[in-house]
Amino acid sequence: MPQHFETGIQVSETQDRPLVCIQGLGFVGTAMALAVADARDENGRPHFNVIGVELDTPAGLAKIEAINSGHLPMRTDDPKLQQALDRAVEAGNLTTTTDPEAYRRADVVVVDVHCDVDFESAPSEFQPTKLQQAELQLDGLKAAIQTVGDRMRQDCLVLVETTVPPGTCERILAPLLKDRFQSRGLDPDQVLLAHSYERVMPGPDYFDSIINFW
């Protein structure tokens, strides 16, 4: 059974903050969720409520269990990540779930679903006559976008942070979102889609690579 985000629902309904959903809690998505949750106004109050959404798999469940327990789901030598998580736990503005229904409440969805490249079919120096090229595997990303498109509000912004080839958003992801809107009786011309390349660098400056990128 998907793990529901009861705390997130209560927070988003009782406090006047935009809700940001982070789709995918890998090394980029987890850091992004912490950065968004840690954003504060001049009085130190959080700008956003954040729900991280993962797949209902053993790996996904391990990530959400760790974060919801106040622990990072990956190893890092940057203490700022854990400090940001501690502040989010104290503020109560970050939770994680495997339930895609979270997207129905989102003001913004940040997509951090990685794309794989299949190099097995790529030509090599030992096979110079082989015509196959390295293949970009977009099935996972397209499935993720469809999951969002089936649930998102019409005024929700989808921000793709995944590194993708030029034209992917315009030619593949936008048409997919428009198709999902049309199937739901929504205006396909109202899709709000943007792209921001990944700017996350694990290491001693892991957190700063997001919030202080030059």
C-alpha atoms as a PDB file:
ATOM      1  CA  MET A   1       0.000   0.000   0.000  1.00  0.00           C
ATOM      2  CA  PRO A   2       1.283   3.504  -0.768  1.00  0.00           C
ATOM      3  CA  GLN A   3       2.416   5.462   2.256  1.00  0.00           C
ATOM      4  CA  HIS A   4       0.125   8.469   2.563  1.00  0.00           C
ATOM      5  CA  PHE A   5       1.228  11.973   3.368  1.00  0.00           C
ATOM      6  CA  GLU A   6      -1.235  12.778   6.154  1.00  0.00           C
ATOM      7  CA  THR A   7       1.127  15.306   7.733  1.00  0.00           C
ATOM      8  CA  GLY A   8       1.613  17.025   4.374  1.00  0.00           C
ATOM      9  CA  ILE A   9      -2.146  17.326   3.824  1.00  0.00           C
ATOM     10  CA  GLN A  10      -2.665  18.900   7.233  1.00  0.00           C
ATOM     11  CA  VAL A  11       0.210  21.344   6.742  1.00  0.00           C
ATOM     12  CA  SER A  12      -0.814  22.382   3.224  1.00  0.00           C
ATOM     13  CA  GLU A  13      -4.416  22.995   4.282  1.00  0.00           C
ATOM     14  CA  THR A  14      -3.693  24.900   7.476  1.00  0.00           C
ATOM     15  CA  GLN A  15      -0.804  27.125   6.447  1.00  0.00           C
ATOM     16  CA  ASP A  16      -0.685  29.643   3.635  1.00  0.00           C
ATOM     17  CA  ARG A  17       2.309  28.328   1.703  1.00  0.00           C
ATOM     18  CA  PRO A  18       2.603  27.046  -1.862  1.00  0.00           C
ATOM     19  CA  LEU A  19       3.006  23.274  -2.050  1.00  0.00           C
ATOM     20  CA  VAL A  20       5.966  21.974  -4.059  1.00  0.00           C
ATOM     21  CA  CYS A  21       6.138  18.280  -4.973  1.00  0.00           C
ATOM     22  CA  ILE A  22       9.535  16.826  -5.816  1.00  0.00           C
ATOM     23  CA  GLN A  23       9.152  13.798  -8.082  1.00  0.00           C
ATOM     24  CA  GLY A  24      12.069  11.437  -7.508  1.00  0.00           C
ATOM     25  CA  LEU A  25      14.284  11.382  -4.414  1.00  0.00           C
ATOM     26  CA  GLY A  26      17.659  10.428  -5.807  1.00  0.00           C
ATOM     27  CA  PHE A  27      20.816  12.431  -5.163  1.00  0.00           C
ATOM     28  CA  VAL A  28      19.308  15.398  -7.033  1.00  0.00           C
ATOM     29  CA  GLY A  29      15.711  15.181  -5.854  1.00  0.00           C
ATOM     30  CA  THR A  30      16.538  14.730  -2.178  1.00  0.00           C
ATOM     31  CA  ALA A  31      18.855  17.729  -2.166  1.00  0.00           C
ATOM     32  CA  MET A  32      16.288  19.780  -4.085  1.00  0.00           C
ATOM     33  CA  ALA A  33      13.536  18.853  -1.625  1.00  0.00           C
ATOM     34  CA  LEU A  34      15.736  20.010   1.253  1.00  0.00           C
ATOM     35  CA  ALA A  35      16.696  23.235  -0.530  1.00  0.00           C
ATOM     36  CA  VAL A  36      13.066  24.125  -1.257  1.00  0.00           C
ATOM     37  CA  ALA A  37      11.959  23.247   2.268  1.00  0.00           C
ATOM     38  CA  ASP A  38      14.816  25.315   3.705  1.00  0.00           C
ATOM     39  CA  ALA A  39      13.930  28.495   1.773  1.00  0.00           C
ATOM     40  CA  ARG A  40      12.932  31.150   4.317  1.00  0.00           C
ATOM     41  CA  ASP A  41      11.535  34.676   4.285  1.00  0.00           C
ATOM     42  CA  GLU A  42      13.075  37.637   6.109  1.00  0.00           C
ATOM     43  CA  ASN A  43      11.403  36.491   9.326  1.00  0.00           C
ATOM     44  CA  GLY A  44      12.773  32.970   9.073  1.00  0.00           C
ATOM     45  CA  ARG A  45       9.473  31.404   8.065  1.00  0.00           C
ATOM     46  CA  PRO A  46       9.441  28.712   5.345  1.00  0.00           C
ATOM     47  CA  HIS A  47       8.333  29.849   1.900  1.00  0.00           C
ATOM     48  CA  PHE A  48       7.042  26.411   0.867  1.00  0.00           C
ATOM     49  CA  ASN A  49       5.554  23.141   1.994  1.00  0.00           C
ATOM     50  CA  VAL A  50       7.297  20.226   0.303  1.00  0.00           C
ATOM     51  CA  ILE A  51       6.239  16.666  -0.467  1.00  0.00           C
ATOM     52  CA  GLY A  52       8.816  14.313  -1.958  1.00  0.00           C
ATOM     53  CA  VAL A  53       7.263  11.536  -4.042  1.00  0.00           C
ATOM     54  CA  GLU A  54       8.958   8.221  -4.771  1.00  0.00           C
ATOM     55  CA  LEU A  55       7.959   4.970  -6.436  1.00  0.00           C
ATOM     56  CA  ASP A  56       6.370   2.268  -4.297  1.00  0.00           C
ATOM     57  CA  THR A  57       9.415  -0.001  -4.541  1.00  0.00           C
ATOM     58  CA  PRO A  58      11.813  -1.299  -1.869  1.00  0.00           C
ATOM     59  CA  ALA A  59      14.317   1.416  -2.803  1.00  0.00           C
ATOM     60  CA  GLY A  60      11.649   4.122  -2.856  1.00  0.00           C
ATOM     61  CA  LEU A  61      10.203   3.028   0.467  1.00  0.00           C
ATOM     62  CA  ALA A  62      13.656   3.052   2.051  1.00  0.00           C
ATOM     63  CA  LYS A  63      14.161   6.662   0.946  1.00  0.00           C
ATOM     64  CA  ILE A  64      10.872   7.954   2.266  1.00  0.00           C
ATOM     65  CA  GLU A  65      11.259   6.056   5.538  1.00  0.00           C
ATOM     66  CA  ALA A  66      14.685   7.609   6.042  1.00  0.00           C
ATOM     67  CA  ILE A  67      13.610  11.182   5.259  1.00  0.00           C
ATOM     68  CA  ASN A  68      10.386  10.962   7.261  1.00  0.00           C
ATOM     69  CA  SER A  69      12.485   9.704  10.183  1.00  0.00           C
ATOM     70  CA  GLY A  70      14.826  12.686   9.905  1.00  0.00           C
ATOM     71  CA  HIS A  71      17.694  10.824   8.261  1.00  0.00           C
ATOM     72  CA  LEU A  72      19.339  11.337   4.879  1.00  0.00           C
ATOM     73  CA  PRO A  73      18.781   8.467   2.425  1.00  0.00           C
ATOM     74  CA  MET A  74      22.337   8.714   1.079  1.00  0.00           C
ATOM     75  CA  ARG A  75      25.852   9.199   2.402  1.00  0.00           C
ATOM     76  CA  THR A  76      27.359  12.672   2.248  1.00  0.00           C
ATOM     77  CA  ASP A  77      30.252  14.577   3.774  1.00  0.00           C
ATOM     78  CA  ASP A  78      28.309  17.860   3.635  1.00  0.00           C
ATOM     79  CA  PRO A  79      26.749  18.532   7.062  1.00  0.00           C
ATOM     80  CA  LYS A  80      24.521  21.264   5.603  1.00  0.00           C
ATOM     81  CA  LEU A  81      22.166  18.665   4.119  1.00  0.00           C
ATOM     82  CA  GLN A  82      21.408  17.082   7.482  1.00  0.00           C
ATOM     83  CA  GLN A  83      21.118  20.518   9.062  1.00  0.00           C
ATOM     84  CA  ALA A  84      18.545  21.503   6.412  1.00  0.00           C
ATOM     85  CA  LEU A  85      16.632  18.292   7.080  1.00  0.00           C
ATOM     86  CA  ASP A  86      16.684  18.991  10.819  1.00  0.00           C
ATOM     87  CA  ARG A  87      15.225  22.452  10.194  1.00  0.00           C
ATOM     88  CA  ALA A  88      12.517  20.998   7.943  1.00  0.00           C
ATOM     89  CA  VAL A  89      11.594  18.449  10.612  1.00  0.00           C
ATOM     90  CA  GLU A  90      11.370  21.234  13.181  1.00  0.00           C
ATOM     91  CA  ALA A  91       9.275  23.425  10.865  1.00  0.00           C
ATOM     92  CA  GLY A  92       7.072  20.518   9.795  1.00  0.00           C
ATOM     93  CA  ASN A  93       7.076  21.593   6.147  1.00  0.00           C
ATOM     94  CA  LEU A  94       8.615  18.494   4.533  1.00  0.00           C
ATOM     95  CA  THR A  95       7.252  14.991   4.169  1.00  0.00           C
ATOM     96  CA  THR A  96       7.656  12.186   1.643  1.00  0.00           C
ATOM     97  CA  THR A  97       5.317   9.568   0.206  1.00  0.00           C
ATOM     98  CA  THR A  98       4.797   6.950  -2.474  1.00  0.00           C
ATOM     99  CA  ASP A  99       1.266   8.202  -3.107  1.00  0.00           C
ATOM    100  CA  PRO A 100       0.993  10.033  -6.482  1.00  0.00           C
ATOM    101  CA  GLU A 101      -2.226  11.678  -5.309  1.00  0.00           C
ATOM    102  CA  ALA A 102       0.086  14.298  -3.787  1.00  0.00           C
ATOM    103  CA  TYR A 103       0.291  15.914  -7.232  1.00  0.00           C
ATOM    104  CA  ARG A 104      -3.383  16.915  -7.065  1.00  0.00           C
ATOM    105  CA  ARG A 105      -2.517  19.511  -4.402  1.00  0.00           C
ATOM    106  CA  ALA A 106       0.749  20.795  -5.867  1.00  0.00           C
ATOM    107  CA  ASP A 107       1.345  24.370  -6.991  1.00  0.00           C
ATOM    108  CA  VAL A 108       4.664  23.264  -8.508  1.00  0.00           C
ATOM    109  CA  VAL A 109       5.994  19.821  -9.429  1.00  0.00           C
ATOM    110  CA  VAL A 110       9.770  19.521  -9.838  1.00  0.00           C
ATOM    111  CA  VAL A 111      10.670  16.447 -11.889  1.00  0.00           C
ATOM    112  CA  ASP A 112      13.926  14.817 -10.828  1.00  0.00           C
ATOM    113  CA  VAL A 113      13.550  11.468 -12.580  1.00  0.00           C
ATOM    114  CA  HIS A 114      16.817  10.368 -14.165  1.00  0.00           C
ATOM    115  CA  CYS A 115      17.225   9.283 -17.776  1.00  0.00           C
ATOM    116  CA  ASP A 116      19.306   6.234 -18.606  1.00  0.00           C
ATOM    117  CA  VAL A 117      21.487   5.866 -21.682  1.00  0.00           C
ATOM    118  CA  ASP A 118      21.959   2.388 -23.126  1.00  0.00           C
ATOM    119  CA  PHE A 119      25.555   2.064 -24.235  1.00  0.00           C
ATOM    120  CA  GLU A 120      25.297  -1.671 -24.877  1.00  0.00           C
ATOM    121  CA  SER A 121      24.134  -1.022 -28.420  1.00  0.00           C
ATOM    122  CA  ALA A 122      26.679   1.703 -29.084  1.00  0.00           C
ATOM    123  CA  PRO A 123      29.404   1.134 -31.679  1.00  0.00           C
ATOM    124  CA  SER A 124      32.876   0.486 -30.344  1.00  0.00           C
ATOM    125  CA  GLU A 125      36.389   0.481 -31.728  1.00  0.00           C
ATOM    126  CA  PHE A 126      36.105  -3.289 -31.919  1.00  0.00           C
ATOM    127  CA  GLN A 127      32.895  -3.117 -33.939  1.00  0.00           C
ATOM    128  CA  PRO A 128      33.433  -0.224 -36.346  1.00  0.00           C
ATOM    129  CA  THR A 129      30.747  -1.410 -38.746  1.00  0.00           C
ATOM    130  CA  LYS A 130      28.016  -1.592 -36.147  1.00  0.00           C
ATOM    131  CA  LEU A 131      25.317   0.948 -36.955  1.00  0.00           C
ATOM    132  CA  GLN A 132      23.573   1.139 -33.576  1.00  0.00           C
ATOM    133  CA  GLN A 133      24.033   4.263 -31.488  1.00  0.00           C
ATOM    134  CA  ALA A 134      23.767   4.826 -27.755  1.00  0.00           C
ATOM    135  CA  GLU A 135      20.057   4.940 -26.968  1.00  0.00           C
ATOM    136  CA  LEU A 136      18.403   7.383 -24.608  1.00  0.00           C
ATOM    137  CA  GLN A 137      15.757   5.595 -22.550  1.00  0.00           C
ATOM    138  CA  LEU A 138      12.871   7.955 -21.876  1.00  0.00           C
ATOM    139  CA  ASP A 139      10.218   5.449 -20.821  1.00  0.00           C
ATOM    140  CA  GLY A 140      10.691   6.142 -17.111  1.00  0.00           C
ATOM    141  CA  LEU A 141      10.551   9.906 -17.555  1.00  0.00           C
ATOM    142  CA  LYS A 142       7.506   9.730 -19.812  1.00  0.00           C
ATOM    143  CA  ALA A 143       5.707   7.497 -17.314  1.00  0.00           C
ATOM    144  CA  ALA A 144       6.560   9.971 -14.548  1.00  0.00           C
ATOM    145  CA  ILE A 145       5.227  12.916 -16.566  1.00  0.00           C
ATOM    146  CA  GLN A 146       2.054  11.007 -17.371  1.00  0.00           C
ATOM    147  CA  THR A 147       1.524  10.279 -13.674  1.00  0.00           C
ATOM    148  CA  VAL A 148       1.730  14.016 -12.969  1.00  0.00           C
ATOM    149  CA  GLY A 149      -0.425  14.968 -15.963  1.00  0.00           C
ATOM    150  CA  ASP A 150      -3.186  12.617 -14.844  1.00  0.00           C
ATOM    151  CA  ARG A 151      -3.467  14.411 -11.494  1.00  0.00           C
ATOM    152  CA  MET A 152      -2.049  17.946 -11.562  1.00  0.00           C
ATOM    153  CA  ARG A 153      -4.201  21.059 -11.344  1.00  0.00           C
ATOM    154  CA  GLN A 154      -4.477  23.157 -14.474  1.00  0.00           C
ATOM    155  CA  ASP A 155      -2.555  26.034 -12.845  1.00  0.00           C
ATOM    156  CA  CYS A 156       0.295  23.836 -11.591  1.00  0.00           C
ATOM    157  CA  LEU A 157       3.788  24.484 -12.968  1.00  0.00           C
ATOM    158  CA  VAL A 158       5.787  21.415 -13.998  1.00  0.00           C
ATOM    159  CA  LEU A 159       9.512  22.126 -13.761  1.00  0.00           C
ATOM    160  CA  VAL A 160      11.680  19.455 -15.385  1.00  0.00           C
ATOM    161  CA  GLU A 161      15.077  19.418 -13.705  1.00  0.00           C
ATOM    162  CA  THR A 162      16.161  16.175 -15.312  1.00  0.00           C
ATOM    163  CA  THR A 163      19.031  16.517 -17.786  1.00  0.00           C
ATOM    164  CA  VAL A 164      17.491  15.790 -21.191  1.00  0.00           C
ATOM    165  CA  PRO A 165      18.539  16.391 -24.815  1.00  0.00           C
ATOM    166  CA  PRO A 166      17.464  19.666 -26.472  1.00  0.00           C
ATOM    167  CA  GLY A 167      13.889  19.469 -27.682  1.00  0.00           C
ATOM    168  CA  THR A 168      12.749  16.789 -25.218  1.00  0.00           C
ATOM    169  CA  CYS A 169      10.409  19.098 -23.293  1.00  0.00           C
ATOM    170  CA  GLU A 170       8.977  20.750 -26.393  1.00  0.00           C
ATOM    171  CA  ARG A 171       8.595  17.685 -28.579  1.00  0.00           C
ATOM    172  CA  ILE A 172       7.918  14.870 -26.129  1.00  0.00           C
ATOM    173  CA  LEU A 173       6.938  16.010 -22.631  1.00  0.00           C
ATOM    174  CA  ALA A 174       4.723  19.006 -23.492  1.00  0.00           C
ATOM    175  CA  PRO A 175       2.628  16.985 -25.984  1.00  0.00           C
ATOM    176  CA  LEU A 176       2.297  14.242 -23.376  1.00  0.00           C
ATOM    177  CA  LEU A 177       1.008  16.687 -20.755  1.00  0.00           C
ATOM    178  CA  LYS A 178      -1.371  18.239 -23.282  1.00  0.00           C
ATOM    179  CA  ASP A 179      -2.709  14.802 -24.131  1.00  0.00           C
ATOM    180  CA  ARG A 180      -3.365  14.064 -20.455  1.00  0.00           C
ATOM    181  CA  PHE A 181      -5.096  17.444 -20.043  1.00  0.00           C
ATOM    182  CA  GLN A 182      -7.298  16.807 -23.048  1.00  0.00           C
ATOM    183  CA  SER A 183      -8.267  13.360 -21.759  1.00  0.00           C
ATOM    184  CA  ARG A 184      -9.374  15.017 -18.489  1.00  0.00           C
ATOM    185  CA  GLY A 185     -11.415  17.706 -20.238  1.00  0.00           C
ATOM    186  CA  LEU A 186      -8.872  20.447 -19.425  1.00  0.00           C
ATOM    187  CA  ASP A 187      -7.556  23.034 -21.860  1.00  0.00           C
ATOM    188  CA  PRO A 188      -4.306  21.600 -23.326  1.00  0.00           C
ATOM    189  CA  ASP A 189      -3.100  25.123 -24.117  1.00  0.00           C
ATOM    190  CA  GLN A 190      -2.962  25.877 -20.386  1.00  0.00           C
ATOM    191  CA  VAL A 191      -0.092  23.449 -19.658  1.00  0.00           C
ATOM    192  CA  LEU A 192       2.671  25.206 -17.709  1.00  0.00           C
ATOM    193  CA  LEU A 193       6.032  23.539 -18.389  1.00  0.00           C
ATOM    194  CA  ALA A 194       9.595  24.751 -17.843  1.00  0.00           C
ATOM    195  CA  HIS A 195      13.074  23.238 -17.778  1.00  0.00           C
ATOM    196  CA  SER A 196      15.996  23.824 -15.451  1.00  0.00           C
ATOM    197  CA  TYR A 197      19.113  21.718 -15.863  1.00  0.00           C
ATOM    198  CA  GLU A 198      20.529  19.882 -12.856  1.00  0.00           C
ATOM    199  CA  ARG A 199      22.967  21.952 -10.846  1.00  0.00           C
ATOM    200  CA  VAL A 200      23.755  19.492  -8.066  1.00  0.00           C
ATOM    201  CA  MET A 201      27.310  18.423  -7.272  1.00  0.00           C
ATOM    202  CA  PRO A 202      27.710  15.860  -4.465  1.00  0.00           C
ATOM    203  CA  GLY A 203      30.712  16.466  -2.254  1.00  0.00           C
ATOM    204  CA  PRO A 204      31.650  18.900   0.517  1.00  0.00           C
ATOM    205  CA  ASP A 205      29.611  21.672  -1.174  1.00  0.00           C
ATOM    206  CA  TYR A 206      26.625  19.468  -2.017  1.00  0.00           C
ATOM    207  CA  PHE A 207      23.955  21.785  -0.556  1.00  0.00           C
ATOM    208  CA  ASP A 208      25.640  24.987  -1.716  1.00  0.00           C
ATOM    209  CA  SER A 209      25.769  23.635  -5.278  1.00  0.00           C
ATOM    210  CA  ILE A 210      21.997  24.191  -5.324  1.00  0.00           C
ATOM    211  CA  ILE A 211      21.361  27.286  -3.243  1.00  0.00           C
ATOM    212  CA  ASN A 212      24.547  29.253  -3.988  1.00  0.00           C
ATOM    213  CA  PHE A 213      25.195  28.269  -7.599  1.00  0.00           C
ATOM    214  CA  TRP A 214      27.142  31.117  -9.217  1.00  0.00           C
END
